[in-house]
Amino acid sequence: MKARKWLWLVVVLTLFGAAWVGIAWLLTPDEVDTEAIEDGVAAGLRDELGGRYVVDCPDSMEWETGEEFHCFAEDQDGQLARITVSMENDDGEWSWIVG
């Protein structure tokens, strides 16, 4: 009988732990894939203005819909431009403007 009680306790504690892990996973904000944003902004600038651009965004950001952050784009002549990136929705969509 004692073994059965211990087994039941282990099962309950395991389920309890799994529930906490699941809740923590759901509440943890997603990190922004800044490398994909850098590549996307550089391609957009190239398409709109021509030339080559190197875009640098913060290394680590958490995704929050409606928030903005800033990157910097440098062209082949060393000119810098500030890029404002807006986090559009929970699906990871974003937009950018120069400024």
PDB file of N, CA and C in Angstrom:
ATOM      1  N   MET A   1       0.808  -1.197   0.000  1.00  0.00           N
ATOM      2  CA  MET A   1       0.000   0.000   0.000  1.00  0.00           C
ATOM      3  C   MET A   1       0.856   1.267   0.000  1.00  0.00           C
ATOM      4  N   LYS A   2       1.984   1.250   0.769  1.00  0.00           N
ATOM      5  CA  LYS A   2       2.847   2.417   0.816  1.00  0.00           C
ATOM      6  C   LYS A   2       3.436   2.731  -0.566  1.00  0.00           C
ATOM      7  N   ALA A   3       3.824   1.721  -1.314  1.00  0.00           N
ATOM      8  CA  ALA A   3       4.385   1.928  -2.648  1.00  0.00           C
ATOM      9  C   ALA A   3       3.368   2.609  -3.558  1.00  0.00           C
ATOM     10  N   ARG A   4       2.123   2.256  -3.409  1.00  0.00           N
ATOM     11  CA  ARG A   4       1.078   2.854  -4.235  1.00  0.00           C
ATOM     12  C   ARG A   4       0.905   4.339  -3.908  1.00  0.00           C
ATOM     13  N   LYS A   5       0.994   4.702  -2.629  1.00  0.00           N
ATOM     14  CA  LYS A   5       0.897   6.108  -2.226  1.00  0.00           C
ATOM     15  C   LYS A   5       2.062   6.910  -2.798  1.00  0.00           C
ATOM     16  N   TRP A   6       3.256   6.344  -2.724  1.00  0.00           N
ATOM     17  CA  TRP A   6       4.422   7.033  -3.274  1.00  0.00           C
ATOM     18  C   TRP A   6       4.303   7.206  -4.790  1.00  0.00           C
ATOM     19  N   LEU A   7       3.831   6.173  -5.446  1.00  0.00           N
ATOM     20  CA  LEU A   7       3.643   6.267  -6.893  1.00  0.00           C
ATOM     21  C   LEU A   7       2.641   7.363  -7.230  1.00  0.00           C
ATOM     22  N   TRP A   8       1.553   7.418  -6.497  1.00  0.00           N
ATOM     23  CA  TRP A   8       0.535   8.445  -6.718  1.00  0.00           C
ATOM     24  C   TRP A   8       1.123   9.833  -6.480  1.00  0.00           C
ATOM     25  N   LEU A   9       1.944   9.994  -5.427  1.00  0.00           N
ATOM     26  CA  LEU A   9       2.580  11.274  -5.130  1.00  0.00           C
ATOM     27  C   LEU A   9       3.524  11.688  -6.265  1.00  0.00           C
ATOM     28  N   VAL A  10       4.284  10.738  -6.794  1.00  0.00           N
ATOM     29  CA  VAL A  10       5.194  11.033  -7.909  1.00  0.00           C
ATOM     30  C   VAL A  10       4.401  11.472  -9.137  1.00  0.00           C
ATOM     31  N   VAL A  11       3.300  10.800  -9.425  1.00  0.00           N
ATOM     32  CA  VAL A  11       2.468  11.160 -10.579  1.00  0.00           C
ATOM     33  C   VAL A  11       1.909  12.568 -10.402  1.00  0.00           C
ATOM     34  N   VAL A  12       1.382  12.881  -9.231  1.00  0.00           N
ATOM     35  CA  VAL A  12       0.803  14.201  -8.972  1.00  0.00           C
ATOM     36  C   VAL A  12       1.868  15.285  -9.083  1.00  0.00           C
ATOM     37  N   LEU A  13       3.033  15.054  -8.481  1.00  0.00           N
ATOM     38  CA  LEU A  13       4.105  16.054  -8.553  1.00  0.00           C
ATOM     39  C   LEU A  13       4.606  16.241  -9.981  1.00  0.00           C
ATOM     40  N   THR A  14       4.675  15.171 -10.749  1.00  0.00           N
ATOM     41  CA  THR A  14       5.091  15.274 -12.154  1.00  0.00           C
ATOM     42  C   THR A  14       4.093  16.102 -12.952  1.00  0.00           C
ATOM     43  N   LEU A  15       2.816  15.844 -12.763  1.00  0.00           N
ATOM     44  CA  LEU A  15       1.789  16.627 -13.464  1.00  0.00           C
ATOM     45  C   LEU A  15       1.826  18.089 -13.042  1.00  0.00           C
ATOM     46  N   PHE A  16       2.025  18.327 -11.757  1.00  0.00           N
ATOM     47  CA  PHE A  16       2.114  19.691 -11.254  1.00  0.00           C
ATOM     48  C   PHE A  16       3.306  20.417 -11.885  1.00  0.00           C
ATOM     49  N   GLY A  17       4.456  19.747 -11.933  1.00  0.00           N
ATOM     50  CA  GLY A  17       5.647  20.336 -12.552  1.00  0.00           C
ATOM     51  C   GLY A  17       5.443  20.602 -14.029  1.00  0.00           C
ATOM     52  N   ALA A  18       4.812  19.679 -14.728  1.00  0.00           N
ATOM     53  CA  ALA A  18       4.547  19.869 -16.161  1.00  0.00           C
ATOM     54  C   ALA A  18       3.613  21.050 -16.389  1.00  0.00           C
ATOM     55  N   ALA A  19       2.641  21.214 -15.504  1.00  0.00           N
ATOM     56  CA  ALA A  19       1.723  22.350 -15.639  1.00  0.00           C
ATOM     57  C   ALA A  19       2.474  23.659 -15.479  1.00  0.00           C
ATOM     58  N   TRP A  20       3.384  23.752 -14.517  1.00  0.00           N
ATOM     59  CA  TRP A  20       4.156  24.980 -14.320  1.00  0.00           C
ATOM     60  C   TRP A  20       5.061  25.268 -15.516  1.00  0.00           C
ATOM     61  N   VAL A  21       5.666  24.242 -16.058  1.00  0.00           N
ATOM     62  CA  VAL A  21       6.515  24.435 -17.243  1.00  0.00           C
ATOM     63  C   VAL A  21       5.675  24.945 -18.410  1.00  0.00           C
ATOM     64  N   GLY A  22       4.496  24.375 -18.595  1.00  0.00           N
ATOM     65  CA  GLY A  22       3.610  24.819 -19.675  1.00  0.00           C
ATOM     66  C   GLY A  22       3.158  26.250 -19.502  1.00  0.00           C
ATOM     67  N   ILE A  23       2.815  26.630 -18.288  1.00  0.00           N
ATOM     68  CA  ILE A  23       2.397  28.017 -18.028  1.00  0.00           C
ATOM     69  C   ILE A  23       3.555  28.967 -18.269  1.00  0.00           C
ATOM     70  N   ALA A  24       4.740  28.614 -17.791  1.00  0.00           N
ATOM     71  CA  ALA A  24       5.915  29.471 -17.996  1.00  0.00           C
ATOM     72  C   ALA A  24       6.217  29.620 -19.478  1.00  0.00           C
ATOM     73  N   TRP A  25       6.084  28.537 -20.244  1.00  0.00           N
ATOM     74  CA  TRP A  25       6.349  28.601 -21.682  1.00  0.00           C
ATOM     75  C   TRP A  25       5.354  29.528 -22.374  1.00  0.00           C
ATOM     76  N   LEU A  26       4.085  29.458 -21.990  1.00  0.00           N
ATOM     77  CA  LEU A  26       3.068  30.306 -22.605  1.00  0.00           C
ATOM     78  C   LEU A  26       3.250  31.776 -22.263  1.00  0.00           C
ATOM     79  N   LEU A  27       3.747  32.070 -21.085  1.00  0.00           N
ATOM     80  CA  LEU A  27       3.878  33.458 -20.646  1.00  0.00           C
ATOM     81  C   LEU A  27       5.217  34.082 -21.002  1.00  0.00           C
ATOM     82  N   THR A  28       6.172  33.279 -21.448  1.00  0.00           N
ATOM     83  CA  THR A  28       7.479  33.811 -21.808  1.00  0.00           C
ATOM     84  C   THR A  28       7.401  34.487 -23.167  1.00  0.00           C
ATOM     85  N   PRO A  29       7.798  35.773 -23.233  1.00  0.00           N
ATOM     86  CA  PRO A  29       7.747  36.459 -24.528  1.00  0.00           C
ATOM     87  C   PRO A  29       8.724  35.838 -25.521  1.00  0.00           C
ATOM     88  N   ASP A  30       8.363  35.897 -26.790  1.00  0.00           N
ATOM     89  CA  ASP A  30       9.234  35.385 -27.839  1.00  0.00           C
ATOM     90  C   ASP A  30      10.365  36.371 -28.077  1.00  0.00           C
ATOM     91  N   GLU A  31      11.532  35.828 -28.391  1.00  0.00           N
ATOM     92  CA  GLU A  31      12.643  36.699 -28.737  1.00  0.00           C
ATOM     93  C   GLU A  31      12.546  37.091 -30.198  1.00  0.00           C
ATOM     94  N   VAL A  32      12.988  38.279 -30.489  1.00  0.00           N
ATOM     95  CA  VAL A  32      12.969  38.806 -31.848  1.00  0.00           C
ATOM     96  C   VAL A  32      14.137  38.198 -32.622  1.00  0.00           C
ATOM     97  N   ASP A  33      13.865  37.745 -33.838  1.00  0.00           N
ATOM     98  CA  ASP A  33      14.914  37.238 -34.724  1.00  0.00           C
ATOM     99  C   ASP A  33      15.547  38.439 -35.407  1.00  0.00           C
ATOM    100  N   THR A  34      16.494  39.079 -34.713  1.00  0.00           N
ATOM    101  CA  THR A  34      17.063  40.321 -35.244  1.00  0.00           C
ATOM    102  C   THR A  34      17.861  40.096 -36.525  1.00  0.00           C
ATOM    103  N   GLU A  35      18.428  38.917 -36.692  1.00  0.00           N
ATOM    104  CA  GLU A  35      19.185  38.645 -37.923  1.00  0.00           C
ATOM    105  C   GLU A  35      18.263  38.684 -39.145  1.00  0.00           C
ATOM    106  N   ALA A  36      17.074  38.115 -39.016  1.00  0.00           N
ATOM    107  CA  ALA A  36      16.111  38.141 -40.120  1.00  0.00           C
ATOM    108  C   ALA A  36      15.651  39.569 -40.402  1.00  0.00           C
ATOM    109  N   ILE A  37      15.478  40.364 -39.352  1.00  0.00           N
ATOM    110  CA  ILE A  37      15.077  41.758 -39.542  1.00  0.00           C
ATOM    111  C   ILE A  37      16.196  42.537 -40.220  1.00  0.00           C
ATOM    112  N   GLU A  38      17.428  42.334 -39.782  1.00  0.00           N
ATOM    113  CA  GLU A  38      18.564  43.009 -40.420  1.00  0.00           C
ATOM    114  C   GLU A  38      18.622  42.683 -41.909  1.00  0.00           C
ATOM    115  N   ASP A  39      18.485  41.399 -42.241  1.00  0.00           N
ATOM    116  CA  ASP A  39      18.520  40.987 -43.650  1.00  0.00           C
ATOM    117  C   ASP A  39      17.354  41.588 -44.425  1.00  0.00           C
ATOM    118  N   GLY A  40      16.162  41.607 -43.821  1.00  0.00           N
ATOM    119  CA  GLY A  40      14.979  42.143 -44.487  1.00  0.00           C
ATOM    120  C   GLY A  40      15.075  43.636 -44.742  1.00  0.00           C
ATOM    121  N   VAL A  41      15.571  44.378 -43.754  1.00  0.00           N
ATOM    122  CA  VAL A  41      15.716  45.830 -43.927  1.00  0.00           C
ATOM    123  C   VAL A  41      16.785  46.121 -44.974  1.00  0.00           C
ATOM    124  N   ALA A  42      17.896  45.403 -44.932  1.00  0.00           N
ATOM    125  CA  ALA A  42      18.963  45.614 -45.921  1.00  0.00           C
ATOM    126  C   ALA A  42      18.445  45.353 -47.334  1.00  0.00           C
ATOM    127  N   ALA A  43      17.671  44.293 -47.504  1.00  0.00           N
ATOM    128  CA  ALA A  43      17.097  43.987 -48.825  1.00  0.00           C
ATOM    129  C   ALA A  43      16.096  45.067 -49.240  1.00  0.00           C
ATOM    130  N   GLY A  44      15.297  45.540 -48.314  1.00  0.00           N
ATOM    131  CA  GLY A  44      14.333  46.599 -48.627  1.00  0.00           C
ATOM    132  C   GLY A  44      15.017  47.892 -49.032  1.00  0.00           C
ATOM    133  N   LEU A  45      16.067  48.249 -48.325  1.00  0.00           N
ATOM    134  CA  LEU A  45      16.817  49.463 -48.682  1.00  0.00           C
ATOM    135  C   LEU A  45      17.455  49.318 -50.056  1.00  0.00           C
ATOM    136  N   ARG A  46      18.017  48.152 -50.310  1.00  0.00           N
ATOM    137  CA  ARG A  46      18.633  47.894 -51.624  1.00  0.00           C
ATOM    138  C   ARG A  46      17.588  48.009 -52.735  1.00  0.00           C
ATOM    139  N   ASP A  47      16.389  47.444 -52.506  1.00  0.00           N
ATOM    140  CA  ASP A  47      15.334  47.505 -53.511  1.00  0.00           C
ATOM    141  C   ASP A  47      14.843  48.935 -53.741  1.00  0.00           C
ATOM    142  N   GLU A  48      14.747  49.707 -52.661  1.00  0.00           N
ATOM    143  CA  GLU A  48      14.210  51.060 -52.770  1.00  0.00           C
ATOM    144  C   GLU A  48      15.244  52.081 -53.220  1.00  0.00           C
ATOM    145  N   LEU A  49      16.495  51.931 -52.748  1.00  0.00           N
ATOM    146  CA  LEU A  49      17.495  52.966 -52.989  1.00  0.00           C
ATOM    147  C   LEU A  49      18.676  52.506 -53.818  1.00  0.00           C
ATOM    148  N   GLY A  50      18.805  51.210 -53.998  1.00  0.00           N
ATOM    149  CA  GLY A  50      19.976  50.678 -54.679  1.00  0.00           C
ATOM    150  C   GLY A  50      21.161  50.650 -53.728  1.00  0.00           C
ATOM    151  N   GLY A  51      22.234  50.045 -54.136  1.00  0.00           N
ATOM    152  CA  GLY A  51      23.431  49.978 -53.305  1.00  0.00           C
ATOM    153  C   GLY A  51      23.383  48.838 -52.307  1.00  0.00           C
ATOM    154  N   ARG A  52      24.432  48.814 -51.481  1.00  0.00           N
ATOM    155  CA  ARG A  52      24.551  47.771 -50.456  1.00  0.00           C
ATOM    156  C   ARG A  52      24.433  48.411 -49.082  1.00  0.00           C
ATOM    157  N   TYR A  53      23.803  47.701 -48.168  1.00  0.00           N
ATOM    158  CA  TYR A  53      23.605  48.203 -46.808  1.00  0.00           C
ATOM    159  C   TYR A  53      23.911  47.105 -45.801  1.00  0.00           C
ATOM    160  N   VAL A  54      24.510  47.527 -44.708  1.00  0.00           N
ATOM    161  CA  VAL A  54      24.714  46.651 -43.562  1.00  0.00           C
ATOM    162  C   VAL A  54      23.832  47.213 -42.459  1.00  0.00           C
ATOM    163  N   VAL A  55      22.950  46.369 -41.946  1.00  0.00           N
ATOM    164  CA  VAL A  55      22.004  46.806 -40.915  1.00  0.00           C
ATOM    165  C   VAL A  55      22.379  46.125 -39.606  1.00  0.00           C
ATOM    166  N   ASP A  56      22.396  46.914 -38.540  1.00  0.00           N
ATOM    167  CA  ASP A  56      22.731  46.406 -37.215  1.00  0.00           C
ATOM    168  C   ASP A  56      21.596  46.719 -36.257  1.00  0.00           C
ATOM    169  N   CYS A  57      20.989  45.661 -35.700  1.00  0.00           N
ATOM    170  CA  CYS A  57      19.906  45.789 -34.723  1.00  0.00           C
ATOM    171  C   CYS A  57      20.399  45.276 -33.373  1.00  0.00           C
ATOM    172  N   PRO A  58      19.687  45.601 -32.298  1.00  0.00           N
ATOM    173  CA  PRO A  58      20.079  45.053 -30.991  1.00  0.00           C
ATOM    174  C   PRO A  58      20.135  43.526 -31.053  1.00  0.00           C
ATOM    175  N   ASP A  59      21.056  42.947 -30.302  1.00  0.00           N
ATOM    176  CA  ASP A  59      21.250  41.496 -30.341  1.00  0.00           C
ATOM    177  C   ASP A  59      20.093  40.716 -29.734  1.00  0.00           C
ATOM    178  N   SER A  60      19.534  41.212 -28.663  1.00  0.00           N
ATOM    179  CA  SER A  60      18.502  40.446 -27.975  1.00  0.00           C
ATOM    180  C   SER A  60      17.334  41.346 -27.617  1.00  0.00           C
ATOM    181  N   MET A  61      16.167  40.984 -28.107  1.00  0.00           N
ATOM    182  CA  MET A  61      14.950  41.748 -27.833  1.00  0.00           C
ATOM    183  C   MET A  61      13.829  40.744 -27.583  1.00  0.00           C
ATOM    184  N   GLU A  62      12.840  41.167 -26.811  1.00  0.00           N
ATOM    185  CA  GLU A  62      11.653  40.350 -26.618  1.00  0.00           C
ATOM    186  C   GLU A  62      10.524  40.948 -27.433  1.00  0.00           C
ATOM    187  N   TRP A  63       9.732  40.073 -28.037  1.00  0.00           N
ATOM    188  CA  TRP A  63       8.646  40.507 -28.902  1.00  0.00           C
ATOM    189  C   TRP A  63       7.478  41.028 -28.090  1.00  0.00           C
ATOM    190  N   GLU A  64       7.070  42.261 -28.341  1.00  0.00           N
ATOM    191  CA  GLU A  64       5.883  42.822 -27.729  1.00  0.00           C
ATOM    192  C   GLU A  64       5.145  43.611 -28.804  1.00  0.00           C
ATOM    193  N   THR A  65       3.975  43.137 -29.168  1.00  0.00           N
ATOM    194  CA  THR A  65       3.195  43.772 -30.217  1.00  0.00           C
ATOM    195  C   THR A  65       2.993  45.251 -29.896  1.00  0.00           C
ATOM    196  N   GLY A  66       3.198  46.093 -30.911  1.00  0.00           N
ATOM    197  CA  GLY A  66       3.024  47.531 -30.753  1.00  0.00           C
ATOM    198  C   GLY A  66       4.288  48.265 -30.339  1.00  0.00           C
ATOM    199  N   GLU A  67       5.316  47.543 -29.942  1.00  0.00           N
ATOM    200  CA  GLU A  67       6.557  48.177 -29.525  1.00  0.00           C
ATOM    201  C   GLU A  67       7.432  48.492 -30.737  1.00  0.00           C
ATOM    202  N   GLU A  68       8.374  49.379 -30.531  1.00  0.00           N
ATOM    203  CA  GLU A  68       9.331  49.746 -31.568  1.00  0.00           C
ATOM    204  C   GLU A  68      10.738  49.615 -31.007  1.00  0.00           C
ATOM    205  N   PHE A  69      11.686  49.390 -31.912  1.00  0.00           N
ATOM    206  CA  PHE A  69      13.091  49.463 -31.543  1.00  0.00           C
ATOM    207  C   PHE A  69      13.852  50.023 -32.730  1.00  0.00           C
ATOM    208  N   HIS A  70      15.106  50.367 -32.512  1.00  0.00           N
ATOM    209  CA  HIS A  70      15.885  51.052 -33.543  1.00  0.00           C
ATOM    210  C   HIS A  70      17.097  50.231 -33.958  1.00  0.00           C
ATOM    211  N   CYS A  71      17.344  50.279 -35.252  1.00  0.00           N
ATOM    212  CA  CYS A  71      18.519  49.673 -35.859  1.00  0.00           C
ATOM    213  C   CYS A  71      19.260  50.786 -36.599  1.00  0.00           C
ATOM    214  N   PHE A  72      20.451  50.477 -37.063  1.00  0.00           N
ATOM    215  CA  PHE A  72      21.210  51.436 -37.868  1.00  0.00           C
ATOM    216  C   PHE A  72      21.644  50.763 -39.158  1.00  0.00           C
ATOM    217  N   ALA A  73      21.488  51.483 -40.250  1.00  0.00           N
ATOM    218  CA  ALA A  73      21.898  50.986 -41.565  1.00  0.00           C
ATOM    219  C   ALA A  73      23.075  51.823 -42.037  1.00  0.00           C
ATOM    220  N   GLU A  74      24.076  51.150 -42.577  1.00  0.00           N
ATOM    221  CA  GLU A  74      25.243  51.839 -43.119  1.00  0.00           C
ATOM    222  C   GLU A  74      25.377  51.475 -44.590  1.00  0.00           C
ATOM    223  N   ASP A  75      25.514  52.499 -45.430  1.00  0.00           N
ATOM    224  CA  ASP A  75      25.671  52.233 -46.863  1.00  0.00           C
ATOM    225  C   ASP A  75      27.150  52.052 -47.196  1.00  0.00           C
ATOM    226  N   GLN A  76      27.438  51.807 -48.475  1.00  0.00           N
ATOM    227  CA  GLN A  76      28.809  51.529 -48.898  1.00  0.00           C
ATOM    228  C   GLN A  76      29.731  52.728 -48.734  1.00  0.00           C
ATOM    229  N   ASP A  77      29.166  53.939 -48.572  1.00  0.00           N
ATOM    230  CA  ASP A  77      29.977  55.145 -48.367  1.00  0.00           C
ATOM    231  C   ASP A  77      30.169  55.477 -46.886  1.00  0.00           C
ATOM    232  N   GLY A  78      29.638  54.643 -46.015  1.00  0.00           N
ATOM    233  CA  GLY A  78      29.782  54.868 -44.585  1.00  0.00           C
ATOM    234  C   GLY A  78      28.710  55.766 -43.981  1.00  0.00           C
ATOM    235  N   GLN A  79      27.710  56.145 -44.768  1.00  0.00           N
ATOM    236  CA  GLN A  79      26.612  56.966 -44.254  1.00  0.00           C
ATOM    237  C   GLN A  79      25.692  56.111 -43.393  1.00  0.00           C
ATOM    238  N   LEU A  80      25.301  56.645 -42.241  1.00  0.00           N
ATOM    239  CA  LEU A  80      24.428  55.921 -41.324  1.00  0.00           C
ATOM    240  C   LEU A  80      23.011  56.474 -41.373  1.00  0.00           C
ATOM    241  N   ALA A  81      22.058  55.592 -41.230  1.00  0.00           N
ATOM    242  CA  ALA A  81      20.651  55.983 -41.126  1.00  0.00           C
ATOM    243  C   ALA A  81      20.035  55.184 -39.989  1.00  0.00           C
ATOM    244  N   ARG A  82      19.178  55.841 -39.226  1.00  0.00           N
ATOM    245  CA  ARG A  82      18.468  55.158 -38.144  1.00  0.00           C
ATOM    246  C   ARG A  82      17.200  54.544 -38.728  1.00  0.00           C
ATOM    247  N   ILE A  83      16.944  53.299 -38.382  1.00  0.00           N
ATOM    248  CA  ILE A  83      15.773  52.557 -38.847  1.00  0.00           C
ATOM    249  C   ILE A  83      14.879  52.279 -37.639  1.00  0.00           C
ATOM    250  N   THR A  84      13.605  52.602 -37.759  1.00  0.00           N
ATOM    251  CA  THR A  84      12.646  52.286 -36.712  1.00  0.00           C
ATOM    252  C   THR A  84      11.871  51.046 -37.141  1.00  0.00           C
ATOM    253  N   VAL A  85      11.925  50.023 -36.318  1.00  0.00           N
ATOM    254  CA  VAL A  85      11.233  48.758 -36.587  1.00  0.00           C
ATOM    255  C   VAL A  85      10.041  48.663 -35.641  1.00  0.00           C
ATOM    256  N   SER A  86       8.860  48.415 -36.198  1.00  0.00           N
ATOM    257  CA  SER A  86       7.639  48.278 -35.403  1.00  0.00           C
ATOM    258  C   SER A  86       7.207  46.829 -35.377  1.00  0.00           C
ATOM    259  N   MET A  87       6.901  46.327 -34.202  1.00  0.00           N
ATOM    260  CA  MET A  87       6.417  44.961 -34.040  1.00  0.00           C
ATOM    261  C   MET A  87       4.909  44.987 -34.234  1.00  0.00           C
ATOM    262  N   GLU A  88       4.449  44.424 -35.332  1.00  0.00           N
ATOM    263  CA  GLU A  88       3.065  44.594 -35.769  1.00  0.00           C
ATOM    264  C   GLU A  88       2.047  43.713 -35.045  1.00  0.00           C
ATOM    265  N   ASN A  89       2.363  42.437 -34.821  1.00  0.00           N
ATOM    266  CA  ASN A  89       1.373  41.527 -34.223  1.00  0.00           C
ATOM    267  C   ASN A  89       2.061  40.337 -33.581  1.00  0.00           C
ATOM    268  N   ASP A  90       1.264  39.474 -32.985  1.00  0.00           N
ATOM    269  CA  ASP A  90       1.801  38.304 -32.291  1.00  0.00           C
ATOM    270  C   ASP A  90       2.303  37.217 -33.235  1.00  0.00           C
ATOM    271  N   ASP A  91       2.070  37.374 -34.533  1.00  0.00           N
ATOM    272  CA  ASP A  91       2.553  36.398 -35.519  1.00  0.00           C
ATOM    273  C   ASP A  91       3.979  36.676 -35.952  1.00  0.00           C
ATOM    274  N   GLY A  92       4.608  37.699 -35.382  1.00  0.00           N
ATOM    275  CA  GLY A  92       5.998  38.012 -35.713  1.00  0.00           C
ATOM    276  C   GLY A  92       6.157  38.931 -36.893  1.00  0.00           C
ATOM    277  N   GLU A  93       5.079  39.557 -37.358  1.00  0.00           N
ATOM    278  CA  GLU A  93       5.195  40.484 -38.475  1.00  0.00           C
ATOM    279  C   GLU A  93       5.719  41.820 -37.977  1.00  0.00           C
ATOM    280  N   TRP A  94       6.524  42.460 -38.807  1.00  0.00           N
ATOM    281  CA  TRP A  94       7.134  43.722 -38.450  1.00  0.00           C
ATOM    282  C   TRP A  94       7.191  44.616 -39.674  1.00  0.00           C
ATOM    283  N   SER A  95       7.388  45.905 -39.424  1.00  0.00           N
ATOM    284  CA  SER A  95       7.575  46.867 -40.521  1.00  0.00           C
ATOM    285  C   SER A  95       8.700  47.809 -40.117  1.00  0.00           C
ATOM    286  N   TRP A  96       9.211  48.543 -41.079  1.00  0.00           N
ATOM    287  CA  TRP A  96      10.303  49.456 -40.786  1.00  0.00           C
ATOM    288  C   TRP A  96      10.172  50.729 -41.593  1.00  0.00           C
ATOM    289  N   ILE A  97      10.744  51.795 -41.069  1.00  0.00           N
ATOM    290  CA  ILE A  97      10.872  53.062 -41.784  1.00  0.00           C
ATOM    291  C   ILE A  97      12.229  53.655 -41.451  1.00  0.00           C
ATOM    292  N   VAL A  98      12.719  54.485 -42.349  1.00  0.00           N
ATOM    293  CA  VAL A  98      13.950  55.214 -42.073  1.00  0.00           C
ATOM    294  C   VAL A  98      13.578  56.385 -41.180  1.00  0.00           C
ATOM    295  N   GLY A  99      14.263  56.471 -40.072  1.00  0.00           N
ATOM    296  CA  GLY A  99      13.997  57.595 -39.165  1.00  0.00           C
ATOM    297  C   GLY A  99      13.824  57.177 -37.742  1.00  0.00           C
TER     298      GLY A  99
END
